[in-house]
Amino acid sequence: MSIAVDPAQLEGRVAELEMRVTFQEHALAELSDALAASRVEAARNAELLRRALDELKQSRGEFFADPASEPPPPHY
């Protein structure tokens, strides 16, 4: 048993599928670009955080001197 297929109908379906594939490829490329940009931003933020923590550690040592070098507190 064979089914009669209209060539014009098949051509329309193929064209629609090609458009869908093109749209999906475009969307995939946009998502890939967005992911790459997000990874670059995350790496930059991680570096900024590391630098901020290093600066905090350095300044912390300046704010809190060694207790042994401090004069004794006054007695009441």
PDB file of N, CA and C in Angstrom:
ATOM      1  N   MET A   1       0.845  -1.163   0.000  1.00  0.00           N
ATOM      2  CA  MET A   1       0.000   0.000   0.000  1.00  0.00           C
ATOM      3  C   MET A   1       0.895   1.232   0.000  1.00  0.00           C
ATOM      4  N   SER A   2       0.713   2.108  -0.929  1.00  0.00           N
ATOM      5  CA  SER A   2       1.501   3.330  -1.006  1.00  0.00           C
ATOM      6  C   SER A   2       0.608   4.530  -0.748  1.00  0.00           C
ATOM      7  N   ILE A   3       1.214   5.528  -0.154  1.00  0.00           N
ATOM      8  CA  ILE A   3       0.481   6.751   0.161  1.00  0.00           C
ATOM      9  C   ILE A   3       0.932   7.825  -0.820  1.00  0.00           C
ATOM     10  N   ALA A   4       0.006   8.501  -1.424  1.00  0.00           N
ATOM     11  CA  ALA A   4       0.333   9.562  -2.364  1.00  0.00           C
ATOM     12  C   ALA A   4       0.790  10.787  -1.581  1.00  0.00           C
ATOM     13  N   VAL A   5       1.952  11.311  -1.964  1.00  0.00           N
ATOM     14  CA  VAL A   5       2.521  12.468  -1.278  1.00  0.00           C
ATOM     15  C   VAL A   5       2.610  13.605  -2.276  1.00  0.00           C
ATOM     16  N   ASP A   6       2.102  14.735  -1.872  1.00  0.00           N
ATOM     17  CA  ASP A   6       2.145  15.917  -2.714  1.00  0.00           C
ATOM     18  C   ASP A   6       3.536  16.539  -2.609  1.00  0.00           C
ATOM     19  N   PRO A   7       4.275  16.659  -3.716  1.00  0.00           N
ATOM     20  CA  PRO A   7       5.628  17.238  -3.667  1.00  0.00           C
ATOM     21  C   PRO A   7       5.635  18.667  -3.115  1.00  0.00           C
ATOM     22  N   ALA A   8       4.628  19.452  -3.385  1.00  0.00           N
ATOM     23  CA  ALA A   8       4.567  20.825  -2.889  1.00  0.00           C
ATOM     24  C   ALA A   8       4.422  20.824  -1.368  1.00  0.00           C
ATOM     25  N   GLN A   9       3.640  19.880  -0.857  1.00  0.00           N
ATOM     26  CA  GLN A   9       3.462  19.775   0.587  1.00  0.00           C
ATOM     27  C   GLN A   9       4.767  19.352   1.258  1.00  0.00           C
ATOM     28  N   LEU A  10       5.464  18.402   0.658  1.00  0.00           N
ATOM     29  CA  LEU A  10       6.755  17.974   1.199  1.00  0.00           C
ATOM     30  C   LEU A  10       7.769  19.118   1.173  1.00  0.00           C
ATOM     31  N   GLU A  11       7.761  19.863   0.090  1.00  0.00           N
ATOM     32  CA  GLU A  11       8.687  20.996  -0.021  1.00  0.00           C
ATOM     33  C   GLU A  11       8.403  22.033   1.060  1.00  0.00           C
ATOM     34  N   GLY A  12       7.147  22.273   1.345  1.00  0.00           N
ATOM     35  CA  GLY A  12       6.771  23.213   2.403  1.00  0.00           C
ATOM     36  C   GLY A  12       7.212  22.720   3.772  1.00  0.00           C
ATOM     37  N   ARG A  13       7.068  21.429   4.031  1.00  0.00           N
ATOM     38  CA  ARG A  13       7.491  20.868   5.314  1.00  0.00           C
ATOM     39  C   ARG A  13       9.003  20.933   5.469  1.00  0.00           C
ATOM     40  N   VAL A  14       9.719  20.649   4.390  1.00  0.00           N
ATOM     41  CA  VAL A  14      11.184  20.717   4.434  1.00  0.00           C
ATOM     42  C   VAL A  14      11.628  22.158   4.686  1.00  0.00           C
ATOM     43  N   ALA A  15      10.992  23.112   4.024  1.00  0.00           N
ATOM     44  CA  ALA A  15      11.336  24.523   4.217  1.00  0.00           C
ATOM     45  C   ALA A  15      11.079  24.942   5.662  1.00  0.00           C
ATOM     46  N   GLU A  16       9.958  24.478   6.231  1.00  0.00           N
ATOM     47  CA  GLU A  16       9.655  24.807   7.630  1.00  0.00           C
ATOM     48  C   GLU A  16      10.695  24.196   8.568  1.00  0.00           C
ATOM     49  N   LEU A  17      11.095  22.966   8.320  1.00  0.00           N
ATOM     50  CA  LEU A  17      12.117  22.331   9.154  1.00  0.00           C
ATOM     51  C   LEU A  17      13.463  23.043   9.024  1.00  0.00           C
ATOM     52  N   GLU A  18      13.789  23.480   7.821  1.00  0.00           N
ATOM     53  CA  GLU A  18      15.044  24.217   7.624  1.00  0.00           C
ATOM     54  C   GLU A  18      15.023  25.533   8.394  1.00  0.00           C
ATOM     55  N   MET A  19      13.866  26.201   8.408  1.00  0.00           N
ATOM     56  CA  MET A  19      13.749  27.447   9.163  1.00  0.00           C
ATOM     57  C   MET A  19      13.902  27.183  10.656  1.00  0.00           C
ATOM     58  N   ARG A  20      13.317  26.116  11.138  1.00  0.00           N
ATOM     59  CA  ARG A  20      13.445  25.778  12.560  1.00  0.00           C
ATOM     60  C   ARG A  20      14.904  25.490  12.927  1.00  0.00           C
ATOM     61  N   VAL A  21      15.577  24.737  12.080  1.00  0.00           N
ATOM     62  CA  VAL A  21      16.979  24.411  12.344  1.00  0.00           C
ATOM     63  C   VAL A  21      17.822  25.689  12.343  1.00  0.00           C
ATOM     64  N   THR A  22      17.559  26.577  11.392  1.00  0.00           N
ATOM     65  CA  THR A  22      18.295  27.840  11.333  1.00  0.00           C
ATOM     66  C   THR A  22      18.059  28.661  12.592  1.00  0.00           C
ATOM     67  N   PHE A  23      16.807  28.729  13.050  1.00  0.00           N
ATOM     68  CA  PHE A  23      16.487  29.463  14.260  1.00  0.00           C
ATOM     69  C   PHE A  23      17.197  28.848  15.465  1.00  0.00           C
ATOM     70  N   GLN A  24      17.185  27.533  15.562  1.00  0.00           N
ATOM     71  CA  GLN A  24      17.825  26.862  16.691  1.00  0.00           C
ATOM     72  C   GLN A  24      19.341  27.047  16.663  1.00  0.00           C
ATOM     73  N   GLU A  25      19.932  27.027  15.486  1.00  0.00           N
ATOM     74  CA  GLU A  25      21.377  27.269  15.388  1.00  0.00           C
ATOM     75  C   GLU A  25      21.717  28.685  15.838  1.00  0.00           C
ATOM     76  N   HIS A  26      20.883  29.644  15.450  1.00  0.00           N
ATOM     77  CA  HIS A  26      21.094  31.032  15.854  1.00  0.00           C
ATOM     78  C   HIS A  26      20.950  31.171  17.375  1.00  0.00           C
ATOM     79  N   ALA A  27      19.914  30.567  17.927  1.00  0.00           N
ATOM     80  CA  ALA A  27      19.697  30.629  19.375  1.00  0.00           C
ATOM     81  C   ALA A  27      20.850  29.965  20.125  1.00  0.00           C
ATOM     82  N   LEU A  28      21.340  28.853  19.605  1.00  0.00           N
ATOM     83  CA  LEU A  28      22.458  28.158  20.229  1.00  0.00           C
ATOM     84  C   LEU A  28      23.721  29.013  20.204  1.00  0.00           C
ATOM     85  N   ALA A  29      23.960  29.695  19.107  1.00  0.00           N
ATOM     86  CA  ALA A  29      25.124  30.579  19.018  1.00  0.00           C
ATOM     87  C   ALA A  29      25.014  31.728  20.019  1.00  0.00           C
ATOM     88  N   GLU A  30      23.823  32.308  20.162  1.00  0.00           N
ATOM     89  CA  GLU A  30      23.622  33.382  21.133  1.00  0.00           C
ATOM     90  C   GLU A  30      23.841  32.882  22.553  1.00  0.00           C
ATOM     91  N   LEU A  31      23.333  31.699  22.865  1.00  0.00           N
ATOM     92  CA  LEU A  31      23.526  31.130  24.196  1.00  0.00           C
ATOM     93  C   LEU A  31      25.001  30.840  24.465  1.00  0.00           C
ATOM     94  N   SER A  32      25.683  30.361  23.460  1.00  0.00           N
ATOM     95  CA  SER A  32      27.107  30.075  23.602  1.00  0.00           C
ATOM     96  C   SER A  32      27.897  31.354  23.875  1.00  0.00           C
ATOM     97  N   ASP A  33      27.571  32.410  23.148  1.00  0.00           N
ATOM     98  CA  ASP A  33      28.234  33.703  23.373  1.00  0.00           C
ATOM     99  C   ASP A  33      27.938  34.234  24.774  1.00  0.00           C
ATOM    100  N   ALA A  34      26.690  34.096  25.212  1.00  0.00           N
ATOM    101  CA  ALA A  34      26.315  34.570  26.545  1.00  0.00           C
ATOM    102  C   ALA A  34      27.040  33.770  27.626  1.00  0.00           C
ATOM    103  N   LEU A  35      27.175  32.474  27.426  1.00  0.00           N
ATOM    104  CA  LEU A  35      27.885  31.635  28.395  1.00  0.00           C
ATOM    105  C   LEU A  35      29.354  32.015  28.452  1.00  0.00           C
ATOM    106  N   ALA A  36      29.961  32.261  27.310  1.00  0.00           N
ATOM    107  CA  ALA A  36      31.374  32.664  27.283  1.00  0.00           C
ATOM    108  C   ALA A  36      31.565  33.997  28.010  1.00  0.00           C
ATOM    109  N   ALA A  37      30.675  34.944  27.772  1.00  0.00           N
ATOM    110  CA  ALA A  37      30.766  36.240  28.445  1.00  0.00           C
ATOM    111  C   ALA A  37      30.570  36.079  29.948  1.00  0.00           C
ATOM    112  N   SER A  38      29.663  35.211  30.335  1.00  0.00           N
ATOM    113  CA  SER A  38      29.410  34.968  31.751  1.00  0.00           C
ATOM    114  C   SER A  38      30.633  34.350  32.428  1.00  0.00           C
ATOM    115  N   ARG A  39      31.300  33.449  31.739  1.00  0.00           N
ATOM    116  CA  ARG A  39      32.510  32.833  32.301  1.00  0.00           C
ATOM    117  C   ARG A  39      33.629  33.855  32.463  1.00  0.00           C
ATOM    118  N   VAL A  40      33.768  34.749  31.493  1.00  0.00           N
ATOM    119  CA  VAL A  40      34.789  35.802  31.596  1.00  0.00           C
ATOM    120  C   VAL A  40      34.474  36.707  32.784  1.00  0.00           C
ATOM    121  N   GLU A  41      33.204  37.082  32.925  1.00  0.00           N
ATOM    122  CA  GLU A  41      32.805  37.944  34.036  1.00  0.00           C
ATOM    123  C   GLU A  41      33.015  37.238  35.370  1.00  0.00           C
ATOM    124  N   ALA A  42      32.705  35.963  35.457  1.00  0.00           N
ATOM    125  CA  ALA A  42      32.904  35.212  36.700  1.00  0.00           C
ATOM    126  C   ALA A  42      34.385  35.139  37.056  1.00  0.00           C
ATOM    127  N   ALA A  43      35.241  34.938  36.074  1.00  0.00           N
ATOM    128  CA  ALA A  43      36.684  34.901  36.328  1.00  0.00           C
ATOM    129  C   ALA A  43      37.177  36.260  36.813  1.00  0.00           C
ATOM    130  N   ARG A  44      36.673  37.324  36.202  1.00  0.00           N
ATOM    131  CA  ARG A  44      37.055  38.679  36.610  1.00  0.00           C
ATOM    132  C   ARG A  44      36.581  38.956  38.042  1.00  0.00           C
ATOM    133  N   ASN A  45      35.359  38.547  38.360  1.00  0.00           N
ATOM    134  CA  ASN A  45      34.835  38.746  39.713  1.00  0.00           C
ATOM    135  C   ASN A  45      35.622  37.933  40.738  1.00  0.00           C
ATOM    136  N   ALA A  46      36.017  36.730  40.381  1.00  0.00           N
ATOM    137  CA  ALA A  46      36.806  35.904  41.293  1.00  0.00           C
ATOM    138  C   ALA A  46      38.157  36.565  41.563  1.00  0.00           C
ATOM    139  N   GLU A  47      38.760  37.139  40.537  1.00  0.00           N
ATOM    140  CA  GLU A  47      40.041  37.829  40.711  1.00  0.00           C
ATOM    141  C   GLU A  47      39.870  39.073  41.586  1.00  0.00           C
ATOM    142  N   LEU A  48      38.806  39.828  41.360  1.00  0.00           N
ATOM    143  CA  LEU A  48      38.541  41.004  42.196  1.00  0.00           C
ATOM    144  C   LEU A  48      38.319  40.604  43.652  1.00  0.00           C
ATOM    145  N   LEU A  49      37.595  39.524  43.872  1.00  0.00           N
ATOM    146  CA  LEU A  49      37.355  39.056  45.230  1.00  0.00           C
ATOM    147  C   LEU A  49      38.655  38.611  45.885  1.00  0.00           C
ATOM    148  N   ARG A  50      39.491  37.920  45.135  1.00  0.00           N
ATOM    149  CA  ARG A  50      40.776  37.474  45.677  1.00  0.00           C
ATOM    150  C   ARG A  50      41.625  38.669  46.075  1.00  0.00           C
ATOM    151  N   ARG A  51      41.667  39.686  45.215  1.00  0.00           N
ATOM    152  CA  ARG A  51      42.434  40.891  45.531  1.00  0.00           C
ATOM    153  C   ARG A  51      41.871  41.600  46.763  1.00  0.00           C
ATOM    154  N   ALA A  52      40.558  41.697  46.849  1.00  0.00           N
ATOM    155  CA  ALA A  52      39.927  42.358  47.995  1.00  0.00           C
ATOM    156  C   ALA A  52      40.249  41.604  49.284  1.00  0.00           C
ATOM    157  N   LEU A  53      40.216  40.286  49.233  1.00  0.00           N
ATOM    158  CA  LEU A  53      40.543  39.503  50.422  1.00  0.00           C
ATOM    159  C   LEU A  53      42.006  39.674  50.815  1.00  0.00           C
ATOM    160  N   ASP A  54      42.892  39.713  49.825  1.00  0.00           N
ATOM    161  CA  ASP A  54      44.308  39.941  50.117  1.00  0.00           C
ATOM    162  C   ASP A  54      44.513  41.309  50.772  1.00  0.00           C
ATOM    163  N   GLU A  55      43.849  42.341  50.233  1.00  0.00           N
ATOM    164  CA  GLU A  55      43.966  43.676  50.814  1.00  0.00           C
ATOM    165  C   GLU A  55      43.387  43.718  52.223  1.00  0.00           C
ATOM    166  N   LEU A  56      42.289  43.006  52.430  1.00  0.00           N
ATOM    167  CA  LEU A  56      41.684  42.957  53.760  1.00  0.00           C
ATOM    168  C   LEU A  56      42.631  42.285  54.751  1.00  0.00           C
ATOM    169  N   LYS A  57      43.266  41.204  54.328  1.00  0.00           N
ATOM    170  CA  LYS A  57      44.217  40.520  55.215  1.00  0.00           C
ATOM    171  C   LYS A  57      45.385  41.439  55.562  1.00  0.00           C
ATOM    172  N   GLN A  58      45.867  42.188  54.591  1.00  0.00           N
ATOM    173  CA  GLN A  58      46.980  43.094  54.848  1.00  0.00           C
ATOM    174  C   GLN A  58      46.562  44.234  55.777  1.00  0.00           C
ATOM    175  N   SER A  59      45.412  44.832  55.516  1.00  0.00           N
ATOM    176  CA  SER A  59      44.969  45.949  56.341  1.00  0.00           C
ATOM    177  C   SER A  59      44.562  45.476  57.733  1.00  0.00           C
ATOM    178  N   ARG A  60      44.116  44.274  57.840  1.00  0.00           N
ATOM    179  CA  ARG A  60      43.727  43.729  59.132  1.00  0.00           C
ATOM    180  C   ARG A  60      44.932  43.681  60.064  1.00  0.00           C
ATOM    181  N   GLY A  61      46.072  43.324  59.511  1.00  0.00           N
ATOM    182  CA  GLY A  61      47.294  43.292  60.300  1.00  0.00           C
ATOM    183  C   GLY A  61      47.693  44.681  60.755  1.00  0.00           C
ATOM    184  N   GLU A  62      47.385  45.691  59.951  1.00  0.00           N
ATOM    185  CA  GLU A  62      47.713  47.061  60.322  1.00  0.00           C
ATOM    186  C   GLU A  62      46.779  47.582  61.419  1.00  0.00           C
ATOM    187  N   PHE A  63      45.506  47.199  61.376  1.00  0.00           N
ATOM    188  CA  PHE A  63      44.542  47.677  62.357  1.00  0.00           C
ATOM    189  C   PHE A  63      44.704  47.003  63.713  1.00  0.00           C
ATOM    190  N   PHE A  64      45.013  45.755  63.693  1.00  0.00           N
ATOM    191  CA  PHE A  64      45.136  44.994  64.932  1.00  0.00           C
ATOM    192  C   PHE A  64      46.600  44.666  65.166  1.00  0.00           C
ATOM    193  N   ALA A  65      47.217  45.490  65.961  1.00  0.00           N
ATOM    194  CA  ALA A  65      48.634  45.288  66.242  1.00  0.00           C
ATOM    195  C   ALA A  65      48.802  44.090  67.179  1.00  0.00           C
ATOM    196  N   ASP A  66      50.021  43.662  67.306  1.00  0.00           N
ATOM    197  CA  ASP A  66      50.343  42.541  68.178  1.00  0.00           C
ATOM    198  C   ASP A  66      50.023  42.942  69.619  1.00  0.00           C
ATOM    199  N   PRO A  67      49.216  42.172  70.330  1.00  0.00           N
ATOM    200  CA  PRO A  67      48.846  42.547  71.711  1.00  0.00           C
ATOM    201  C   PRO A  67      50.044  42.650  72.635  1.00  0.00           C
ATOM    202  N   ALA A  68      51.114  41.949  72.348  1.00  0.00           N
ATOM    203  CA  ALA A  68      52.290  41.999  73.208  1.00  0.00           C
ATOM    204  C   ALA A  68      52.963  43.371  73.133  1.00  0.00           C
ATOM    205  N   SER A  69      52.813  44.078  72.009  1.00  0.00           N
ATOM    206  CA  SER A  69      53.449  45.380  71.873  1.00  0.00           C
ATOM    207  C   SER A  69      52.581  46.518  72.413  1.00  0.00           C
ATOM    208  N   GLU A  70      51.362  46.221  72.810  1.00  0.00           N
ATOM    209  CA  GLU A  70      50.450  47.237  73.346  1.00  0.00           C
ATOM    210  C   GLU A  70      50.803  47.527  74.812  1.00  0.00           C
ATOM    211  N   PRO A  71      50.639  48.755  75.244  1.00  0.00           N
ATOM    212  CA  PRO A  71      50.877  49.053  76.684  1.00  0.00           C
ATOM    213  C   PRO A  71      49.773  48.403  77.509  1.00  0.00           C
ATOM    214  N   PRO A  72      50.052  48.084  78.733  1.00  0.00           N
ATOM    215  CA  PRO A  72      49.019  47.457  79.572  1.00  0.00           C
ATOM    216  C   PRO A  72      47.870  48.440  79.817  1.00  0.00           C
ATOM    217  N   PRO A  73      46.664  47.932  79.982  1.00  0.00           N
ATOM    218  CA  PRO A  73      45.519  48.816  80.220  1.00  0.00           C
ATOM    219  C   PRO A  73      45.629  49.445  81.603  1.00  0.00           C
ATOM    220  N   PRO A  74      45.035  50.626  81.768  1.00  0.00           N
ATOM    221  CA  PRO A  74      45.077  51.261  83.091  1.00  0.00           C
ATOM    222  C   PRO A  74      44.223  50.454  84.074  1.00  0.00           C
ATOM    223  N   HIS A  75      44.654  50.453  85.290  1.00  0.00           N
ATOM    224  CA  HIS A  75      43.899  49.733  86.328  1.00  0.00           C
ATOM    225  C   HIS A  75      43.026  50.702  87.080  1.00  0.00           C
ATOM    226  N   TYR A  76      41.850  50.313  87.418  1.00  0.00           N
ATOM    227  CA  TYR A  76      40.907  51.174  88.112  1.00  0.00           C
ATOM    228  C   TYR A  76      40.983  50.970  89.590  1.00  0.00           C
TER     229      TYR A  76
END
